[in-house]
Amino acid sequence: YERFELYHFYYHLLNTVQEGLDYVLESFHCLE
């Protein structure tokens, strides 16, 4: 269970980082 929990949170952290990178890249073209 602990391994499942670690992998699950890790997996979703990577998606969150991707969303953050997308935001930063978009910010170069969208001043809002």
All heavy atoms as atom14 arrays in JSON, in Angstrom:
{
  "sequence": "YERFELYHFYYHLLNTVQEGLDYVLESFHCLE",
  "atom14_mask": [
    [1, 1, 1, 1, 1, 1, 1, 1, 1, 1, 1, 1, 0, 0],
    [1, 1, 1, 1, 1, 1, 1, 1, 1, 0, 0, 0, 0, 0],
    [1, 1, 1, 1, 1, 1, 1, 1, 1, 1, 1, 0, 0, 0],
    [1, 1, 1, 1, 1, 1, 1, 1, 1, 1, 1, 0, 0, 0],
    [1, 1, 1, 1, 1, 1, 1, 1, 1, 0, 0, 0, 0, 0],
    [1, 1, 1, 1, 1, 1, 1, 1, 0, 0, 0, 0, 0, 0],
    [1, 1, 1, 1, 1, 1, 1, 1, 1, 1, 1, 1, 0, 0],
    [1, 1, 1, 1, 1, 1, 1, 1, 1, 1, 0, 0, 0, 0],
    [1, 1, 1, 1, 1, 1, 1, 1, 1, 1, 1, 0, 0, 0],
    [1, 1, 1, 1, 1, 1, 1, 1, 1, 1, 1, 1, 0, 0],
    [1, 1, 1, 1, 1, 1, 1, 1, 1, 1, 1, 1, 0, 0],
    [1, 1, 1, 1, 1, 1, 1, 1, 1, 1, 0, 0, 0, 0],
    [1, 1, 1, 1, 1, 1, 1, 1, 0, 0, 0, 0, 0, 0],
    [1, 1, 1, 1, 1, 1, 1, 1, 0, 0, 0, 0, 0, 0],
    [1, 1, 1, 1, 1, 1, 1, 1, 0, 0, 0, 0, 0, 0],
    [1, 1, 1, 1, 1, 1, 1, 0, 0, 0, 0, 0, 0, 0],
    [1, 1, 1, 1, 1, 1, 1, 0, 0, 0, 0, 0, 0, 0],
    [1, 1, 1, 1, 1, 1, 1, 1, 1, 0, 0, 0, 0, 0],
    [1, 1, 1, 1, 1, 1, 1, 1, 1, 0, 0, 0, 0, 0],
    [1, 1, 1, 1, 0, 0, 0, 0, 0, 0, 0, 0, 0, 0],
    [1, 1, 1, 1, 1, 1, 1, 1, 0, 0, 0, 0, 0, 0],
    [1, 1, 1, 1, 1, 1, 1, 1, 0, 0, 0, 0, 0, 0],
    [1, 1, 1, 1, 1, 1, 1, 1, 1, 1, 1, 1, 0, 0],
    [1, 1, 1, 1, 1, 1, 1, 0, 0, 0, 0, 0, 0, 0],
    [1, 1, 1, 1, 1, 1, 1, 1, 0, 0, 0, 0, 0, 0],
    [1, 1, 1, 1, 1, 1, 1, 1, 1, 0, 0, 0, 0, 0],
    [1, 1, 1, 1, 1, 1, 0, 0, 0, 0, 0, 0, 0, 0],
    [1, 1, 1, 1, 1, 1, 1, 1, 1, 1, 1, 0, 0, 0],
    [1, 1, 1, 1, 1, 1, 1, 1, 1, 1, 0, 0, 0, 0],
    [1, 1, 1, 1, 1, 1, 0, 0, 0, 0, 0, 0, 0, 0],
    [1, 1, 1, 1, 1, 1, 1, 1, 0, 0, 0, 0, 0, 0],
    [1, 1, 1, 1, 1, 1, 1, 1, 1, 0, 0, 0, 0, 0]
  ],
  "atom14_positions": [
    [[0.83, -1.21, 0.0], [0.0, 0.0, 0.0], [0.86, 1.26, 0.0], [0.58, 2.22, -0.72], [-0.96, 0.02, 1.2], [-1.77, 1.29, 1.23], [-2.84, 1.46, 0.35], [-1.45, 2.31, 2.11], [-3.58, 2.64, 0.34], [-2.19, 3.49, 2.11], [-3.24, 3.65, 1.23], [-3.96, 4.82, 1.22], [0.0, 0.0, 0.0], [0.0, 0.0, 0.0]],
    [[1.92, 1.27, 0.79], [2.82, 2.44, 0.84], [3.48, 2.67, -0.51], [3.63, 3.82, -0.95], [3.87, 2.24, 1.93], [3.32, 2.3, 3.33], [4.31, 1.86, 4.37], [5.2, 1.02, 4.07], [4.2, 2.34, 5.51], [0.0, 0.0, 0.0], [0.0, 0.0, 0.0], [0.0, 0.0, 0.0], [0.0, 0.0, 0.0], [0.0, 0.0, 0.0]],
    [[3.86, 1.58, -1.17], [4.46, 1.72, -2.5], [3.43, 2.26, -3.49], [3.73, 3.15, -4.27], [5.04, 0.39, -2.99], [5.67, 0.56, -4.37], [6.52, -0.58, -4.77], [5.76, -1.8, -4.93], [6.27, -2.91, -5.43], [7.54, -2.95, -5.78], [5.53, -3.98, -5.56], [0.0, 0.0, 0.0], [0.0, 0.0, 0.0], [0.0, 0.0, 0.0]],
    [[2.21, 1.73, -3.44], [1.16, 2.24, -4.32], [0.95, 3.74, -4.09], [0.86, 4.51, -5.04], [-0.17, 1.49, -4.07], [-1.35, 2.18, -4.69], [-1.61, 2.06, -6.05], [-2.19, 2.97, -3.92], [-2.68, 2.7, -6.64], [-3.28, 3.62, -4.5], [-3.51, 3.49, -5.86], [0.0, 0.0, 0.0], [0.0, 0.0, 0.0], [0.0, 0.0, 0.0]],
    [[0.88, 4.14, -2.85], [0.65, 5.54, -2.51], [1.8, 6.42, -3.03], [1.57, 7.49, -3.6], [0.5, 5.68, -1.0], [-0.09, 6.99, -0.58], [-0.43, 6.99, 0.9], [0.49, 6.77, 1.73], [-1.6, 7.2, 1.22], [0.0, 0.0, 0.0], [0.0, 0.0, 0.0], [0.0, 0.0, 0.0], [0.0, 0.0, 0.0], [0.0, 0.0, 0.0]],
    [[3.04, 5.99, -2.83], [4.19, 6.74, -3.31], [4.14, 6.89, -4.83], [4.27, 7.99, -5.37], [5.49, 6.04, -2.9], [6.78, 6.61, -3.5], [7.03, 8.04, -3.03], [7.97, 5.71, -3.15], [0.0, 0.0, 0.0], [0.0, 0.0, 0.0], [0.0, 0.0, 0.0], [0.0, 0.0, 0.0], [0.0, 0.0, 0.0], [0.0, 0.0, 0.0]],
    [[3.93, 5.79, -5.54], [3.9, 5.82, -7.0], [2.73, 6.67, -7.5], [2.86, 7.4, -8.48], [3.79, 4.42, -7.58], [5.03, 3.57, -7.41], [5.05, 2.27, -7.88], [6.17, 4.05, -6.79], [6.18, 1.47, -7.75], [7.29, 3.26, -6.65], [7.29, 1.97, -7.12], [8.4, 1.18, -7.0], [0.0, 0.0, 0.0], [0.0, 0.0, 0.0]],
    [[1.59, 6.57, -6.84], [0.41, 7.33, -7.23], [0.67, 8.84, -7.11], [0.41, 9.61, -8.04], [-0.78, 6.9, -6.35], [-2.05, 7.58, -6.69], [-2.49, 8.71, -6.03], [-2.98, 7.31, -7.63], [-3.63, 9.1, -6.54], [-3.96, 8.27, -7.51], [0.0, 0.0, 0.0], [0.0, 0.0, 0.0], [0.0, 0.0, 0.0], [0.0, 0.0, 0.0]],
    [[1.16, 9.28, -5.96], [1.44, 10.71, -5.77], [2.56, 11.19, -6.69], [2.5, 12.3, -7.24], [1.78, 11.02, -4.31], [0.57, 10.99, -3.42], [0.48, 10.09, -2.37], [-0.5, 11.85, -3.62], [-0.63, 10.04, -1.56], [-1.62, 11.82, -2.8], [-1.69, 10.91, -1.77], [0.0, 0.0, 0.0], [0.0, 0.0, 0.0], [0.0, 0.0, 0.0]],
    [[3.56, 10.36, -6.87], [4.68, 10.68, -7.76], [4.16, 10.89, -9.19], [4.48, 11.87, -9.84], [5.67, 9.52, -7.69], [6.95, 9.65, -8.45], [8.1, 10.15, -7.85], [7.06, 9.2, -9.77], [9.3, 10.22, -8.53], [8.25, 9.28, -10.46], [9.37, 9.78, -9.83], [10.56, 9.86, -10.51], [0.0, 0.0, 0.0], [0.0, 0.0, 0.0]],
    [[3.35, 9.96, -9.66], [2.78, 10.0, -11.0], [2.02, 11.32, -11.21], [2.19, 12.0, -12.22], [1.84, 8.81, -11.16], [1.26, 8.61, -12.54], [1.87, 7.74, -13.44], [0.11, 9.27, -12.94], [1.34, 7.53, -14.7], [-0.44, 9.07, -14.2], [0.19, 8.2, -15.08], [-0.34, 8.0, -16.33], [0.0, 0.0, 0.0], [0.0, 0.0, 0.0]],
    [[1.21, 11.68, -10.23], [0.41, 12.89, -10.37], [1.23, 14.16, -10.16], [0.9, 15.2, -10.74], [-0.81, 12.82, -9.45], [-1.78, 11.78, -9.91], [-2.52, 11.92, -11.06], [-2.08, 10.56, -9.42], [-3.26, 10.85, -11.25], [-3.0, 10.0, -10.27], [0.0, 0.0, 0.0], [0.0, 0.0, 0.0], [0.0, 0.0, 0.0], [0.0, 0.0, 0.0]],
    [[2.29, 14.09, -9.39], [3.2, 15.23, -9.26], [3.8, 15.56, -10.63], [3.94, 16.73, -10.99], [4.3, 14.94, -8.24], [5.4, 16.01, -8.12], [4.83, 17.35, -7.7], [6.48, 15.54, -7.14], [0.0, 0.0, 0.0], [0.0, 0.0, 0.0], [0.0, 0.0, 0.0], [0.0, 0.0, 0.0], [0.0, 0.0, 0.0], [0.0, 0.0, 0.0]],
    [[4.14, 14.54, -11.4], [4.71, 14.77, -12.73], [3.71, 15.48, -13.63], [4.09, 16.35, -14.42], [5.15, 13.45, -13.35], [6.17, 12.64, -12.54], [6.58, 11.4, -13.31], [7.37, 13.47, -12.16], [0.0, 0.0, 0.0], [0.0, 0.0, 0.0], [0.0, 0.0, 0.0], [0.0, 0.0, 0.0], [0.0, 0.0, 0.0], [0.0, 0.0, 0.0]],
    [[2.43, 15.13, -13.52], [1.4, 15.84, -14.3], [1.3, 17.3, -13.86], [1.14, 18.2, -14.7], [0.04, 15.16, -14.14], [-0.02, 13.83, -14.85], [0.73, 13.57, -15.78], [-0.9, 12.97, -14.38], [0.0, 0.0, 0.0], [0.0, 0.0, 0.0], [0.0, 0.0, 0.0], [0.0, 0.0, 0.0], [0.0, 0.0, 0.0], [0.0, 0.0, 0.0]],
    [[1.4, 17.54, -12.57], [1.33, 18.91, -12.05], [2.52, 19.73, -12.55], [2.37, 20.9, -12.92], [1.28, 18.89, -10.51], [0.14, 18.13, -10.11], [1.19, 20.29, -9.95], [0.0, 0.0, 0.0], [0.0, 0.0, 0.0], [0.0, 0.0, 0.0], [0.0, 0.0, 0.0], [0.0, 0.0, 0.0], [0.0, 0.0, 0.0], [0.0, 0.0, 0.0]],
    [[3.7, 19.13, -12.55], [4.88, 19.83, -13.07], [4.68, 20.16, -14.54], [5.0, 21.26, -14.99], [6.17, 18.99, -12.86], [7.35, 19.6, -13.61], [6.48, 18.88, -11.37], [0.0, 0.0, 0.0], [0.0, 0.0, 0.0], [0.0, 0.0, 0.0], [0.0, 0.0, 0.0], [0.0, 0.0, 0.0], [0.0, 0.0, 0.0], [0.0, 0.0, 0.0]],
    [[4.12, 19.22, -15.3], [3.85, 19.47, -16.72], [2.9, 20.66, -16.88], [3.11, 21.52, -17.73], [3.27, 18.23, -17.39], [2.97, 18.43, -18.86], [4.23, 18.72, -19.66], [5.16, 17.94, -19.61], [4.27, 19.84, -20.37], [0.0, 0.0, 0.0], [0.0, 0.0, 0.0], [0.0, 0.0, 0.0], [0.0, 0.0, 0.0], [0.0, 0.0, 0.0]],
    [[1.86, 20.71, -16.08], [0.92, 21.83, -16.13], [1.62, 23.14, -15.8], [1.36, 24.17, -16.42], [-0.25, 21.6, -15.16], [-1.17, 20.49, -15.58], [-2.18, 20.11, -14.5], [-2.27, 20.83, -13.46], [-2.89, 19.12, -14.69], [0.0, 0.0, 0.0], [0.0, 0.0, 0.0], [0.0, 0.0, 0.0], [0.0, 0.0, 0.0], [0.0, 0.0, 0.0]],
    [[2.53, 23.1, -14.84], [3.3, 24.29, -14.48], [4.18, 24.75, -15.62], [4.26, 25.95, -15.93], [0.0, 0.0, 0.0], [0.0, 0.0, 0.0], [0.0, 0.0, 0.0], [0.0, 0.0, 0.0], [0.0, 0.0, 0.0], [0.0, 0.0, 0.0], [0.0, 0.0, 0.0], [0.0, 0.0, 0.0], [0.0, 0.0, 0.0], [0.0, 0.0, 0.0]],
    [[4.87, 23.81, -16.26], [5.7, 24.17, -17.42], [4.85, 24.77, -18.53], [5.24, 25.76, -19.16], [6.46, 22.95, -17.94], [7.72, 22.57, -17.19], [8.24, 21.22, -17.68], [8.79, 23.63, -17.33], [0.0, 0.0, 0.0], [0.0, 0.0, 0.0], [0.0, 0.0, 0.0], [0.0, 0.0, 0.0], [0.0, 0.0, 0.0], [0.0, 0.0, 0.0]],
    [[3.68, 24.19, -18.77], [2.78, 24.72, -19.79], [2.38, 26.17, -19.46], [2.35, 27.03, -20.33], [1.53, 23.86, -19.93], [1.81, 22.48, -20.5], [2.91, 22.27, -21.08], [0.95, 21.59, -20.36], [0.0, 0.0, 0.0], [0.0, 0.0, 0.0], [0.0, 0.0, 0.0], [0.0, 0.0, 0.0], [0.0, 0.0, 0.0], [0.0, 0.0, 0.0]],
    [[2.09, 26.42, -18.18], [1.72, 27.76, -17.73], [2.87, 28.75, -17.98], [2.65, 29.84, -18.5], [1.35, 27.73, -16.25], [0.98, 29.09, -15.69], [-0.34, 29.51, -15.67], [1.95, 29.96, -15.18], [-0.7, 30.75, -15.17], [1.61, 31.2, -14.68], [0.29, 31.59, -14.67], [-0.05, 32.83, -14.17], [0.0, 0.0, 0.0], [0.0, 0.0, 0.0]],
    [[4.07, 28.36, -17.57], [5.23, 29.25, -17.73], [5.45, 29.55, -19.21], [5.67, 30.7, -19.59], [6.49, 28.65, -17.08], [7.73, 29.45, -17.43], [6.31, 28.56, -15.56], [0.0, 0.0, 0.0], [0.0, 0.0, 0.0], [0.0, 0.0, 0.0], [0.0, 0.0, 0.0], [0.0, 0.0, 0.0], [0.0, 0.0, 0.0], [0.0, 0.0, 0.0]],
    [[5.39, 28.53, -20.05], [5.59, 28.75, -21.49], [4.5, 29.64, -22.07], [4.78, 30.52, -22.88], [5.65, 27.41, -22.22], [6.9, 26.58, -21.95], [6.76, 25.19, -22.55], [8.14, 27.28, -22.5], [0.0, 0.0, 0.0], [0.0, 0.0, 0.0], [0.0, 0.0, 0.0], [0.0, 0.0, 0.0], [0.0, 0.0, 0.0], [0.0, 0.0, 0.0]],
    [[3.28, 29.45, -21.66], [2.17, 30.27, -22.13], [2.31, 31.72, -21.66], [1.91, 32.65, -22.35], [0.83, 29.68, -21.68], [-0.38, 30.44, -22.15], [-0.58, 30.42, -23.66], [-0.08, 29.5, -24.33], [-1.22, 31.36, -24.16], [0.0, 0.0, 0.0], [0.0, 0.0, 0.0], [0.0, 0.0, 0.0], [0.0, 0.0, 0.0], [0.0, 0.0, 0.0]],
    [[2.92, 31.9, -20.5], [3.05, 33.25, -19.93], [3.92, 34.16, -20.8], [3.81, 35.39, -20.69], [3.62, 33.18, -18.51], [5.0, 32.9, -18.52], [0.0, 0.0, 0.0], [0.0, 0.0, 0.0], [0.0, 0.0, 0.0], [0.0, 0.0, 0.0], [0.0, 0.0, 0.0], [0.0, 0.0, 0.0], [0.0, 0.0, 0.0], [0.0, 0.0, 0.0]],
    [[4.75, 33.61, -21.64], [5.57, 34.43, -22.52], [4.72, 35.14, -23.58], [5.12, 36.14, -24.15], [6.65, 33.59, -23.21], [7.74, 33.15, -22.28], [7.83, 31.81, -21.91], [8.66, 34.04, -21.77], [8.82, 31.38, -21.05], [9.66, 33.62, -20.9], [9.74, 32.29, -20.54], [0.0, 0.0, 0.0], [0.0, 0.0, 0.0], [0.0, 0.0, 0.0]],
    [[3.53, 34.6, -23.83], [2.67, 35.15, -24.88], [1.36, 35.72, -24.35], [0.61, 36.33, -25.11], [2.37, 34.05, -25.91], [3.61, 33.43, -26.45], [4.44, 34.08, -27.34], [4.2, 32.24, -26.18], [5.48, 33.31, -27.61], [5.36, 32.19, -26.92], [0.0, 0.0, 0.0], [0.0, 0.0, 0.0], [0.0, 0.0, 0.0], [0.0, 0.0, 0.0]],
    [[1.08, 35.51, -23.09], [-0.18, 35.95, -22.5], [0.13, 36.71, -21.21], [0.42, 36.1, -20.18], [-1.07, 34.73, -22.23], [-2.68, 35.16, -21.6], [0.0, 0.0, 0.0], [0.0, 0.0, 0.0], [0.0, 0.0, 0.0], [0.0, 0.0, 0.0], [0.0, 0.0, 0.0], [0.0, 0.0, 0.0], [0.0, 0.0, 0.0], [0.0, 0.0, 0.0]],
    [[0.1, 38.01, -21.29], [0.53, 38.84, -20.17], [-0.35, 38.69, -18.92], [0.07, 39.04, -17.82], [0.58, 40.3, -20.59], [1.59, 40.6, -21.72], [1.54, 42.06, -22.11], [3.0, 40.2, -21.29], [0.0, 0.0, 0.0], [0.0, 0.0, 0.0], [0.0, 0.0, 0.0], [0.0, 0.0, 0.0], [0.0, 0.0, 0.0], [0.0, 0.0, 0.0]],
    [[-1.55, 38.16, -19.07], [-2.41, 37.95, -17.9], [-1.85, 36.88, -16.97], [-2.2, 36.83, -15.79], [-3.84, 37.54, -18.32], [-4.59, 38.58, -19.11], [-4.31, 38.47, -20.6], [-4.28, 37.35, -21.14], [-4.12, 39.52, -21.23], [0.0, 0.0, 0.0], [0.0, 0.0, 0.0], [0.0, 0.0, 0.0], [0.0, 0.0, 0.0], [0.0, 0.0, 0.0]]
  ]
}
